[in-house]
Amino acid sequence: MDGYLIFDNHFHLNYENNFLEGARRFKKAGGNAINLTNLPDYSLPSENYYKTIYERTISMANAVRRETGLTVLVTLGPYPLDYNHFSEMNLDSENIVKNGIDLAAKLIEEGVANAMGEIGRPHFPVSDSIIDKSNNLLEYAFSRCGELECPAILHTEDLDNARIEEMEDFARRNGLNPTKIIKHHALPSNLLKDSKMNFSIPATRKFVRESISTKKKFLLETDYINDPKDDNRFLPPDSVPLRANMIRQNYPDSWEQTFKNTFRDLPLEIFGSEPFKCLLQ
């Protein structure tokens, strides 16, 4: 699979656990690039909360690069449940989350990170007021991404066509090109919508087959978390390279086009060539 970016677009690592093991397992299966997205940690104090979790993520990214040789992109940003968490502590949650967005933007501008996320709103039923606050914060994050022309990794409920259009409207009115949005944990059916947004599909066999059938471009992800209580929470860390092998073996007439779209063209369109330069030489 030389010449391709066997890229997991959404990969978490837990700072408190043996975080290198998941990265090694990904590489052993044939993967060569991950997008490391920060995790929330509500055991931390609110003071310097975002500084702490961003520094953890950057530190892990550096360790993975050094110890495994993988290409590691970094995505930083407030998690969609952060507003609720800080509100329950009777803190100025809106201002805290905005500061978290601004710090992520600063690190992206400095070249330490590549994208903002996962930003959005809760994926389960909450009050209308929480949705309104979350949407306001999402629009603020989109405005910062628009200024930086950087990707935004979106965490929301499953999106139907109307909600995809809502997200595109949020982006446009805040100066962000919708082509810079990646819907994390998207559904293969989302690919059928005539949308400028990009969709990152969980790397299950079923979803990969359904996504290929649309003949559209898509990213793949595991949403892996090396949870000490359940190391295979969400999908295992080797799922994306294993699905790449599945595509190559089971789609003899179309695997090259799928590889070109999923494992080269789309990552380069969204993130640019610079983060992947070591793999493109």
C-alpha atoms as a PDB file:
ATOM      1  CA  MET A   1       0.000   0.000   0.000  1.00  0.00           C
ATOM      2  CA  ASP A   2       2.952   2.271  -0.684  1.00  0.00           C
ATOM      3  CA  GLY A   3       2.047   5.752  -1.862  1.00  0.00           C
ATOM      4  CA  TYR A   4      -1.212   5.869   0.063  1.00  0.00           C
ATOM      5  CA  LEU A   5      -2.199   7.496   3.336  1.00  0.00           C
ATOM      6  CA  ILE A   6      -3.657   4.646   5.394  1.00  0.00           C
ATOM      7  CA  PHE A   7      -5.125   7.307   7.618  1.00  0.00           C
ATOM      8  CA  ASP A   8      -7.403   6.983  10.650  1.00  0.00           C
ATOM      9  CA  ASN A   9      -9.174  10.327  10.736  1.00  0.00           C
ATOM     10  CA  HIS A  10     -10.355  10.089  14.357  1.00  0.00           C
ATOM     11  CA  PHE A  11      -8.110   8.398  16.901  1.00  0.00           C
ATOM     12  CA  HIS A  12      -8.011   9.040  20.651  1.00  0.00           C
ATOM     13  CA  LEU A  13      -5.355   8.072  23.155  1.00  0.00           C
ATOM     14  CA  ASN A  14      -5.745   8.037  26.918  1.00  0.00           C
ATOM     15  CA  TYR A  15      -2.850   9.768  28.658  1.00  0.00           C
ATOM     16  CA  GLU A  16      -3.303   7.666  31.790  1.00  0.00           C
ATOM     17  CA  ASN A  17      -3.103   4.330  29.967  1.00  0.00           C
ATOM     18  CA  ASN A  18      -0.446   2.648  27.794  1.00  0.00           C
ATOM     19  CA  PHE A  19      -1.193   4.963  24.890  1.00  0.00           C
ATOM     20  CA  LEU A  20       1.646   3.779  22.641  1.00  0.00           C
ATOM     21  CA  GLU A  21       0.233   0.263  22.348  1.00  0.00           C
ATOM     22  CA  GLY A  22      -2.782   1.335  20.270  1.00  0.00           C
ATOM     23  CA  ALA A  23      -0.545   3.290  17.903  1.00  0.00           C
ATOM     24  CA  ARG A  24       1.793   0.322  17.518  1.00  0.00           C
ATOM     25  CA  ARG A  25      -1.146  -1.981  16.765  1.00  0.00           C
ATOM     26  CA  PHE A  26      -2.351   0.441  14.083  1.00  0.00           C
ATOM     27  CA  LYS A  27       1.092   0.532  12.463  1.00  0.00           C
ATOM     28  CA  LYS A  28       1.572  -3.245  12.630  1.00  0.00           C
ATOM     29  CA  ALA A  29      -1.647  -3.708  10.616  1.00  0.00           C
ATOM     30  CA  GLY A  30      -0.335  -1.380   7.891  1.00  0.00           C
ATOM     31  CA  GLY A  31      -1.479   2.067   8.990  1.00  0.00           C
ATOM     32  CA  ASN A  32       0.805   5.059   8.535  1.00  0.00           C
ATOM     33  CA  ALA A  33      -1.078   8.177   9.706  1.00  0.00           C
ATOM     34  CA  ILE A  34      -3.551   9.089  12.445  1.00  0.00           C
ATOM     35  CA  ASN A  35      -5.451  12.196  13.409  1.00  0.00           C
ATOM     36  CA  LEU A  36      -5.034  12.334  17.191  1.00  0.00           C
ATOM     37  CA  THR A  37      -8.015  14.105  18.737  1.00  0.00           C
ATOM     38  CA  ASN A  38      -7.960  15.286  22.328  1.00  0.00           C
ATOM     39  CA  LEU A  39     -10.133  13.651  24.972  1.00  0.00           C
ATOM     40  CA  PRO A  40     -12.063  15.427  27.731  1.00  0.00           C
ATOM     41  CA  ASP A  41     -11.034  14.667  31.304  1.00  0.00           C
ATOM     42  CA  TYR A  42     -13.529  15.910  33.853  1.00  0.00           C
ATOM     43  CA  SER A  43     -11.353  14.796  36.744  1.00  0.00           C
ATOM     44  CA  LEU A  44      -9.168  17.837  36.043  1.00  0.00           C
ATOM     45  CA  PRO A  45      -9.739  21.206  37.756  1.00  0.00           C
ATOM     46  CA  SER A  46     -11.371  23.896  35.660  1.00  0.00           C
ATOM     47  CA  GLU A  47      -8.378  26.219  35.999  1.00  0.00           C
ATOM     48  CA  ASN A  48      -6.109  25.749  32.976  1.00  0.00           C
ATOM     49  CA  TYR A  49      -8.343  22.869  31.883  1.00  0.00           C
ATOM     50  CA  TYR A  50      -7.810  23.290  28.153  1.00  0.00           C
ATOM     51  CA  LYS A  51      -4.122  24.070  28.504  1.00  0.00           C
ATOM     52  CA  THR A  52      -3.699  20.747  30.322  1.00  0.00           C
ATOM     53  CA  ILE A  53      -5.614  18.514  27.899  1.00  0.00           C
ATOM     54  CA  TYR A  54      -4.078  20.174  24.843  1.00  0.00           C
ATOM     55  CA  GLU A  55      -0.564  19.787  26.240  1.00  0.00           C
ATOM     56  CA  ARG A  56      -1.287  16.127  26.995  1.00  0.00           C
ATOM     57  CA  THR A  57      -2.446  15.533  23.433  1.00  0.00           C
ATOM     58  CA  ILE A  58       0.556  17.292  21.903  1.00  0.00           C
ATOM     59  CA  SER A  59       2.901  15.358  24.191  1.00  0.00           C
ATOM     60  CA  MET A  60       1.332  12.036  23.162  1.00  0.00           C
ATOM     61  CA  ALA A  61       1.530  12.992  19.486  1.00  0.00           C
ATOM     62  CA  ASN A  62       5.238  13.686  19.840  1.00  0.00           C
ATOM     63  CA  ALA A  63       5.779  10.391  21.673  1.00  0.00           C
ATOM     64  CA  VAL A  64       3.903   8.413  19.003  1.00  0.00           C
ATOM     65  CA  ARG A  65       5.947  10.045  16.241  1.00  0.00           C
ATOM     66  CA  ARG A  66       9.194   9.376  18.076  1.00  0.00           C
ATOM     67  CA  GLU A  67       8.465   5.792  19.136  1.00  0.00           C
ATOM     68  CA  THR A  68       6.557   4.464  16.104  1.00  0.00           C
ATOM     69  CA  GLY A  69       7.449   6.675  13.149  1.00  0.00           C
ATOM     70  CA  LEU A  70       3.762   7.246  12.369  1.00  0.00           C
ATOM     71  CA  THR A  71       2.603  10.512  10.860  1.00  0.00           C
ATOM     72  CA  VAL A  72       0.421  12.166  13.516  1.00  0.00           C
ATOM     73  CA  LEU A  73      -1.957  15.041  12.867  1.00  0.00           C
ATOM     74  CA  VAL A  74      -3.415  16.764  15.938  1.00  0.00           C
ATOM     75  CA  THR A  75      -6.953  18.013  16.492  1.00  0.00           C
ATOM     76  CA  LEU A  76      -7.669  20.204  19.512  1.00  0.00           C
ATOM     77  CA  GLY A  77     -10.867  21.777  20.765  1.00  0.00           C
ATOM     78  CA  PRO A  78     -13.604  21.782  23.401  1.00  0.00           C
ATOM     79  CA  TYR A  79     -15.711  18.644  23.547  1.00  0.00           C
ATOM     80  CA  PRO A  80     -19.458  19.236  23.000  1.00  0.00           C
ATOM     81  CA  LEU A  81     -20.324  18.217  26.572  1.00  0.00           C
ATOM     82  CA  ASP A  82     -17.874  20.678  28.137  1.00  0.00           C
ATOM     83  CA  TYR A  83     -20.513  23.413  28.335  1.00  0.00           C
ATOM     84  CA  ASN A  84     -22.777  21.145  30.422  1.00  0.00           C
ATOM     85  CA  HIS A  85     -19.864  20.081  32.635  1.00  0.00           C
ATOM     86  CA  PHE A  86     -18.778  23.606  33.529  1.00  0.00           C
ATOM     87  CA  SER A  87     -22.399  24.726  33.954  1.00  0.00           C
ATOM     88  CA  GLU A  88     -22.946  21.999  36.534  1.00  0.00           C
ATOM     89  CA  MET A  89     -19.984  23.469  38.428  1.00  0.00           C
ATOM     90  CA  ASN A  90     -21.725  26.875  38.419  1.00  0.00           C
ATOM     91  CA  LEU A  91     -18.921  28.372  36.349  1.00  0.00           C
ATOM     92  CA  ASP A  92     -19.014  30.789  33.437  1.00  0.00           C
ATOM     93  CA  SER A  93     -19.159  27.864  31.042  1.00  0.00           C
ATOM     94  CA  GLU A  94     -19.672  29.899  27.865  1.00  0.00           C
ATOM     95  CA  ASN A  95     -16.568  31.983  28.490  1.00  0.00           C
ATOM     96  CA  ILE A  96     -14.488  28.939  29.509  1.00  0.00           C
ATOM     97  CA  VAL A  97     -15.408  27.076  26.307  1.00  0.00           C
ATOM     98  CA  LYS A  98     -14.739  30.161  24.165  1.00  0.00           C
ATOM     99  CA  ASN A  99     -11.316  30.450  25.755  1.00  0.00           C
ATOM    100  CA  GLY A 100     -10.762  26.788  24.899  1.00  0.00           C
ATOM    101  CA  ILE A 101     -11.659  27.516  21.289  1.00  0.00           C
ATOM    102  CA  ASP A 102      -9.294  30.485  21.226  1.00  0.00           C
ATOM    103  CA  LEU A 103      -6.412  28.474  22.692  1.00  0.00           C
ATOM    104  CA  ALA A 104      -6.962  25.727  20.110  1.00  0.00           C
ATOM    105  CA  ALA A 105      -6.974  28.377  17.375  1.00  0.00           C
ATOM    106  CA  LYS A 106      -3.692  29.795  18.684  1.00  0.00           C
ATOM    107  CA  LEU A 107      -2.029  26.366  18.599  1.00  0.00           C
ATOM    108  CA  ILE A 108      -3.332  25.715  15.091  1.00  0.00           C
ATOM    109  CA  GLU A 109      -2.008  29.096  13.955  1.00  0.00           C
ATOM    110  CA  GLU A 110       1.385  28.232  15.476  1.00  0.00           C
ATOM    111  CA  GLY A 111       1.446  24.966  13.520  1.00  0.00           C
ATOM    112  CA  VAL A 112       1.282  22.743  16.602  1.00  0.00           C
ATOM    113  CA  ALA A 113      -2.152  21.380  15.623  1.00  0.00           C
ATOM    114  CA  ASN A 114      -3.907  20.774  12.308  1.00  0.00           C
ATOM    115  CA  ALA A 115      -7.637  21.039  13.008  1.00  0.00           C
ATOM    116  CA  MET A 116     -10.194  22.100  15.599  1.00  0.00           C
ATOM    117  CA  GLY A 117     -12.428  19.529  17.199  1.00  0.00           C
ATOM    118  CA  GLU A 118     -14.303  17.652  18.066  1.00  0.00           C
ATOM    119  CA  ILE A 119     -16.701  20.571  18.312  1.00  0.00           C
ATOM    120  CA  GLY A 120     -20.471  20.603  18.015  1.00  0.00           C
ATOM    121  CA  ARG A 121     -23.362  19.678  20.255  1.00  0.00           C
ATOM    122  CA  PRO A 122     -24.495  16.698  22.357  1.00  0.00           C
ATOM    123  CA  HIS A 123     -25.498  13.627  20.350  1.00  0.00           C
ATOM    124  CA  PHE A 124     -28.312  12.721  22.755  1.00  0.00           C
ATOM    125  CA  PRO A 125     -31.491  14.608  23.754  1.00  0.00           C
ATOM    126  CA  VAL A 126     -30.868  17.748  25.816  1.00  0.00           C
ATOM    127  CA  SER A 127     -32.846  20.907  26.535  1.00  0.00           C
ATOM    128  CA  ASP A 128     -33.443  23.515  23.843  1.00  0.00           C
ATOM    129  CA  SER A 129     -31.348  25.981  25.831  1.00  0.00           C
ATOM    130  CA  ILE A 130     -28.350  23.624  25.747  1.00  0.00           C
ATOM    131  CA  ILE A 131     -28.780  23.173  21.990  1.00  0.00           C
ATOM    132  CA  ASP A 132     -28.958  26.952  21.503  1.00  0.00           C
ATOM    133  CA  LYS A 133     -25.822  27.552  23.586  1.00  0.00           C
ATOM    134  CA  SER A 134     -24.010  24.713  21.825  1.00  0.00           C
ATOM    135  CA  ASN A 135     -24.942  26.102  18.407  1.00  0.00           C
ATOM    136  CA  ASN A 136     -23.689  29.555  19.397  1.00  0.00           C
ATOM    137  CA  LEU A 137     -20.375  28.091  20.526  1.00  0.00           C
ATOM    138  CA  LEU A 138     -20.158  25.987  17.373  1.00  0.00           C
ATOM    139  CA  GLU A 139     -20.652  29.079  15.237  1.00  0.00           C
ATOM    140  CA  TYR A 140     -17.926  30.852  17.187  1.00  0.00           C
ATOM    141  CA  ALA A 141     -15.600  27.888  16.586  1.00  0.00           C
ATOM    142  CA  PHE A 142     -16.475  27.928  12.875  1.00  0.00           C
ATOM    143  CA  SER A 143     -15.594  31.619  12.747  1.00  0.00           C
ATOM    144  CA  ARG A 144     -12.147  30.918  14.198  1.00  0.00           C
ATOM    145  CA  CYS A 145     -11.651  28.028  11.769  1.00  0.00           C
ATOM    146  CA  GLY A 146     -12.688  30.339   8.944  1.00  0.00           C
ATOM    147  CA  GLU A 147     -10.047  32.865   9.962  1.00  0.00           C
ATOM    148  CA  LEU A 148      -7.406  30.126   9.976  1.00  0.00           C
ATOM    149  CA  GLU A 149      -8.789  28.232   6.972  1.00  0.00           C
ATOM    150  CA  CYS A 150      -8.367  25.047   9.009  1.00  0.00           C
ATOM    151  CA  PRO A 151     -10.544  21.930   9.199  1.00  0.00           C
ATOM    152  CA  ALA A 152     -13.304  21.614  11.798  1.00  0.00           C
ATOM    153  CA  ILE A 153     -14.082  18.122  13.141  1.00  0.00           C
ATOM    154  CA  LEU A 154     -17.785  18.009  13.894  1.00  0.00           C
ATOM    155  CA  HIS A 155     -19.411  15.989  16.696  1.00  0.00           C
ATOM    156  CA  THR A 156     -23.224  16.027  16.673  1.00  0.00           C
ATOM    157  CA  GLU A 157     -26.232  13.770  16.572  1.00  0.00           C
ATOM    158  CA  ASP A 158     -26.688  11.789  13.340  1.00  0.00           C
ATOM    159  CA  LEU A 159     -27.412  14.318  10.614  1.00  0.00           C
ATOM    160  CA  ASP A 160     -30.258  14.079   8.153  1.00  0.00           C
ATOM    161  CA  ASN A 161     -30.250  16.232   5.014  1.00  0.00           C
ATOM    162  CA  ALA A 162     -31.856  19.224   6.737  1.00  0.00           C
ATOM    163  CA  ARG A 163     -29.272  19.175   9.520  1.00  0.00           C
ATOM    164  CA  ILE A 164     -26.420  18.864   7.037  1.00  0.00           C
ATOM    165  CA  GLU A 165     -27.759  22.028   5.388  1.00  0.00           C
ATOM    166  CA  GLU A 166     -27.969  23.667   8.821  1.00  0.00           C
ATOM    167  CA  MET A 167     -24.278  22.950   9.441  1.00  0.00           C
ATOM    168  CA  GLU A 168     -23.334  24.279   6.026  1.00  0.00           C
ATOM    169  CA  ASP A 169     -25.320  27.462   6.745  1.00  0.00           C
ATOM    170  CA  PHE A 170     -23.555  27.858  10.114  1.00  0.00           C
ATOM    171  CA  ALA A 171     -20.216  27.558   8.331  1.00  0.00           C
ATOM    172  CA  ARG A 172     -20.947  29.955   5.478  1.00  0.00           C
ATOM    173  CA  ARG A 173     -22.292  32.744   7.646  1.00  0.00           C
ATOM    174  CA  ASN A 174     -19.203  32.500   9.842  1.00  0.00           C
ATOM    175  CA  GLY A 175     -16.671  32.585   7.018  1.00  0.00           C
ATOM    176  CA  LEU A 176     -15.816  28.864   6.919  1.00  0.00           C
ATOM    177  CA  ASN A 177     -15.882  26.975   3.643  1.00  0.00           C
ATOM    178  CA  PRO A 178     -18.078  23.876   4.235  1.00  0.00           C
ATOM    179  CA  THR A 179     -15.417  21.778   2.482  1.00  0.00           C
ATOM    180  CA  LYS A 180     -13.354  22.264   5.649  1.00  0.00           C
ATOM    181  CA  ILE A 181     -15.960  20.500   7.814  1.00  0.00           C
ATOM    182  CA  ILE A 182     -15.551  16.803   8.615  1.00  0.00           C
ATOM    183  CA  LYS A 183     -18.580  15.122  10.177  1.00  0.00           C
ATOM    184  CA  HIS A 184     -17.116  12.651  12.637  1.00  0.00           C
ATOM    185  CA  HIS A 185     -18.986   9.357  13.074  1.00  0.00           C
ATOM    186  CA  ALA A 186     -20.964   9.943   9.882  1.00  0.00           C
ATOM    187  CA  LEU A 187     -23.344   7.486   8.246  1.00  0.00           C
ATOM    188  CA  PRO A 188     -22.856   6.037   4.752  1.00  0.00           C
ATOM    189  CA  SER A 189     -26.260   7.524   3.860  1.00  0.00           C
ATOM    190  CA  ASN A 190     -24.784  10.997   4.447  1.00  0.00           C
ATOM    191  CA  LEU A 191     -22.635  10.450   1.354  1.00  0.00           C
ATOM    192  CA  LEU A 192     -25.768  10.445  -0.812  1.00  0.00           C
ATOM    193  CA  LYS A 193     -26.481  14.075   0.064  1.00  0.00           C
ATOM    194  CA  ASP A 194     -25.157  16.617  -2.423  1.00  0.00           C
ATOM    195  CA  SER A 195     -23.055  18.341   0.211  1.00  0.00           C
ATOM    196  CA  LYS A 196     -19.715  20.135   0.304  1.00  0.00           C
ATOM    197  CA  MET A 197     -19.077  18.789   3.795  1.00  0.00           C
ATOM    198  CA  ASN A 198     -16.860  15.754   4.234  1.00  0.00           C
ATOM    199  CA  PHE A 199     -17.842  12.595   6.069  1.00  0.00           C
ATOM    200  CA  SER A 200     -15.705  10.335   8.234  1.00  0.00           C
ATOM    201  CA  ILE A 201     -17.196   6.851   8.377  1.00  0.00           C
ATOM    202  CA  PRO A 202     -16.632   4.319  11.190  1.00  0.00           C
ATOM    203  CA  ALA A 203     -14.441   1.577   9.737  1.00  0.00           C
ATOM    204  CA  THR A 204     -16.787  -1.376  10.082  1.00  0.00           C
ATOM    205  CA  ARG A 205     -17.085  -3.871   7.241  1.00  0.00           C
ATOM    206  CA  LYS A 206     -20.763  -3.014   6.754  1.00  0.00           C
ATOM    207  CA  PHE A 207     -20.220   0.744   6.638  1.00  0.00           C
ATOM    208  CA  VAL A 208     -17.227   0.439   4.312  1.00  0.00           C
ATOM    209  CA  ARG A 209     -19.239  -1.673   1.854  1.00  0.00           C
ATOM    210  CA  GLU A 210     -22.162   0.770   1.957  1.00  0.00           C
ATOM    211  CA  SER A 211     -19.838   3.757   1.528  1.00  0.00           C
ATOM    212  CA  ILE A 212     -18.058   2.244  -1.469  1.00  0.00           C
ATOM    213  CA  SER A 213     -21.427   1.607  -3.117  1.00  0.00           C
ATOM    214  CA  THR A 214     -22.137   5.374  -3.149  1.00  0.00           C
ATOM    215  CA  LYS A 215     -19.003   5.987  -5.308  1.00  0.00           C
ATOM    216  CA  LYS A 216     -18.335   9.106  -3.215  1.00  0.00           C
ATOM    217  CA  LYS A 217     -15.192  10.179  -1.375  1.00  0.00           C
ATOM    218  CA  PHE A 218     -15.084   9.472   2.356  1.00  0.00           C
ATOM    219  CA  LEU A 219     -12.637   9.237   5.240  1.00  0.00           C
ATOM    220  CA  LEU A 220     -12.403   6.313   7.643  1.00  0.00           C
ATOM    221  CA  GLU A 221     -12.081   6.393  11.418  1.00  0.00           C
ATOM    222  CA  THR A 222     -12.167   4.193  14.486  1.00  0.00           C
ATOM    223  CA  ASP A 223     -12.852   6.696  17.284  1.00  0.00           C
ATOM    224  CA  TYR A 224     -10.497   4.389  19.187  1.00  0.00           C
ATOM    225  CA  ILE A 225      -9.898   5.088  22.888  1.00  0.00           C
ATOM    226  CA  ASN A 226      -7.403   3.031  24.874  1.00  0.00           C
ATOM    227  CA  ASP A 227      -9.775   2.797  27.813  1.00  0.00           C
ATOM    228  CA  PRO A 228      -8.123   0.750  30.600  1.00  0.00           C
ATOM    229  CA  LYS A 229     -11.488  -0.906  31.305  1.00  0.00           C
ATOM    230  CA  ASP A 230     -12.216  -1.730  27.663  1.00  0.00           C
ATOM    231  CA  ASP A 231      -9.326  -1.513  25.214  1.00  0.00           C
ATOM    232  CA  ASN A 232     -11.642  -2.079  22.250  1.00  0.00           C
ATOM    233  CA  ARG A 233     -14.111   0.656  23.156  1.00  0.00           C
ATOM    234  CA  PHE A 234     -15.619   1.813  19.866  1.00  0.00           C
ATOM    235  CA  LEU A 235     -13.486   0.175  17.145  1.00  0.00           C
ATOM    236  CA  PRO A 236     -10.080  -1.488  17.597  1.00  0.00           C
ATOM    237  CA  PRO A 237      -7.054   0.614  16.587  1.00  0.00           C
ATOM    238  CA  ASP A 238      -6.154  -1.590  13.610  1.00  0.00           C
ATOM    239  CA  SER A 239      -9.599  -1.345  11.964  1.00  0.00           C
ATOM    240  CA  VAL A 240      -8.718   1.198   9.262  1.00  0.00           C
ATOM    241  CA  PRO A 241      -5.692  -0.670   7.837  1.00  0.00           C
ATOM    242  CA  LEU A 242      -7.646  -3.936   8.053  1.00  0.00           C
ATOM    243  CA  ARG A 243     -10.492  -2.385   6.056  1.00  0.00           C
ATOM    244  CA  ALA A 244      -7.935  -1.106   3.543  1.00  0.00           C
ATOM    245  CA  ASN A 245      -6.810  -4.689   3.058  1.00  0.00           C
ATOM    246  CA  MET A 246     -10.437  -5.780   2.760  1.00  0.00           C
ATOM    247  CA  ILE A 247     -11.068  -3.227   0.013  1.00  0.00           C
ATOM    248  CA  ARG A 248      -8.004  -4.351  -1.905  1.00  0.00           C
ATOM    249  CA  GLN A 249      -8.945  -8.020  -1.689  1.00  0.00           C
ATOM    250  CA  ASN A 250     -12.713  -7.789  -2.221  1.00  0.00           C
ATOM    251  CA  TYR A 251     -12.974  -5.027  -4.836  1.00  0.00           C
ATOM    252  CA  PRO A 252     -10.524  -6.059  -7.587  1.00  0.00           C
ATOM    253  CA  ASP A 253     -12.162  -3.804 -10.188  1.00  0.00           C
ATOM    254  CA  SER A 254     -12.523  -0.651  -8.093  1.00  0.00           C
ATOM    255  CA  TRP A 255     -10.044  -0.747  -5.194  1.00  0.00           C
ATOM    256  CA  GLU A 256      -7.588   1.619  -6.912  1.00  0.00           C
ATOM    257  CA  GLN A 257     -10.205   4.362  -7.277  1.00  0.00           C
ATOM    258  CA  THR A 258     -11.382   3.894  -3.687  1.00  0.00           C
ATOM    259  CA  PHE A 259      -7.794   4.034  -2.453  1.00  0.00           C
ATOM    260  CA  LYS A 260      -7.153   7.166  -4.510  1.00  0.00           C
ATOM    261  CA  ASN A 261     -10.206   8.870  -3.014  1.00  0.00           C
ATOM    262  CA  THR A 262     -10.078   7.683   0.600  1.00  0.00           C
ATOM    263  CA  PHE A 263      -6.393   7.163   1.211  1.00  0.00           C
ATOM    264  CA  ARG A 264      -4.895  10.009  -0.764  1.00  0.00           C
ATOM    265  CA  ASP A 265      -7.020  12.654  -2.454  1.00  0.00           C
ATOM    266  CA  LEU A 266      -9.519  13.492   0.292  1.00  0.00           C
ATOM    267  CA  PRO A 267      -7.031  13.747   3.197  1.00  0.00           C
ATOM    268  CA  LEU A 268      -4.836  15.985   1.034  1.00  0.00           C
ATOM    269  CA  GLU A 269      -7.791  18.151  -0.018  1.00  0.00           C
ATOM    270  CA  ILE A 270      -8.838  18.732   3.591  1.00  0.00           C
ATOM    271  CA  PHE A 271      -5.542  18.909   5.502  1.00  0.00           C
ATOM    272  CA  GLY A 272      -3.109  19.835   2.727  1.00  0.00           C
ATOM    273  CA  SER A 273       0.057  17.993   1.774  1.00  0.00           C
ATOM    274  CA  GLU A 274       2.335  19.442   4.456  1.00  0.00           C
ATOM    275  CA  PRO A 275       1.240  17.162   7.358  1.00  0.00           C
ATOM    276  CA  PHE A 276       1.756  14.095   5.150  1.00  0.00           C
ATOM    277  CA  LYS A 277       4.982  15.161   3.433  1.00  0.00           C
ATOM    278  CA  CYS A 278       7.032  12.304   4.901  1.00  0.00           C
ATOM    279  CA  LEU A 279       4.650   9.797   3.318  1.00  0.00           C
ATOM    280  CA  LEU A 280       4.506  11.516  -0.069  1.00  0.00           C
ATOM    281  CA  GLN A 281       8.226  11.587  -0.878  1.00  0.00           C
END
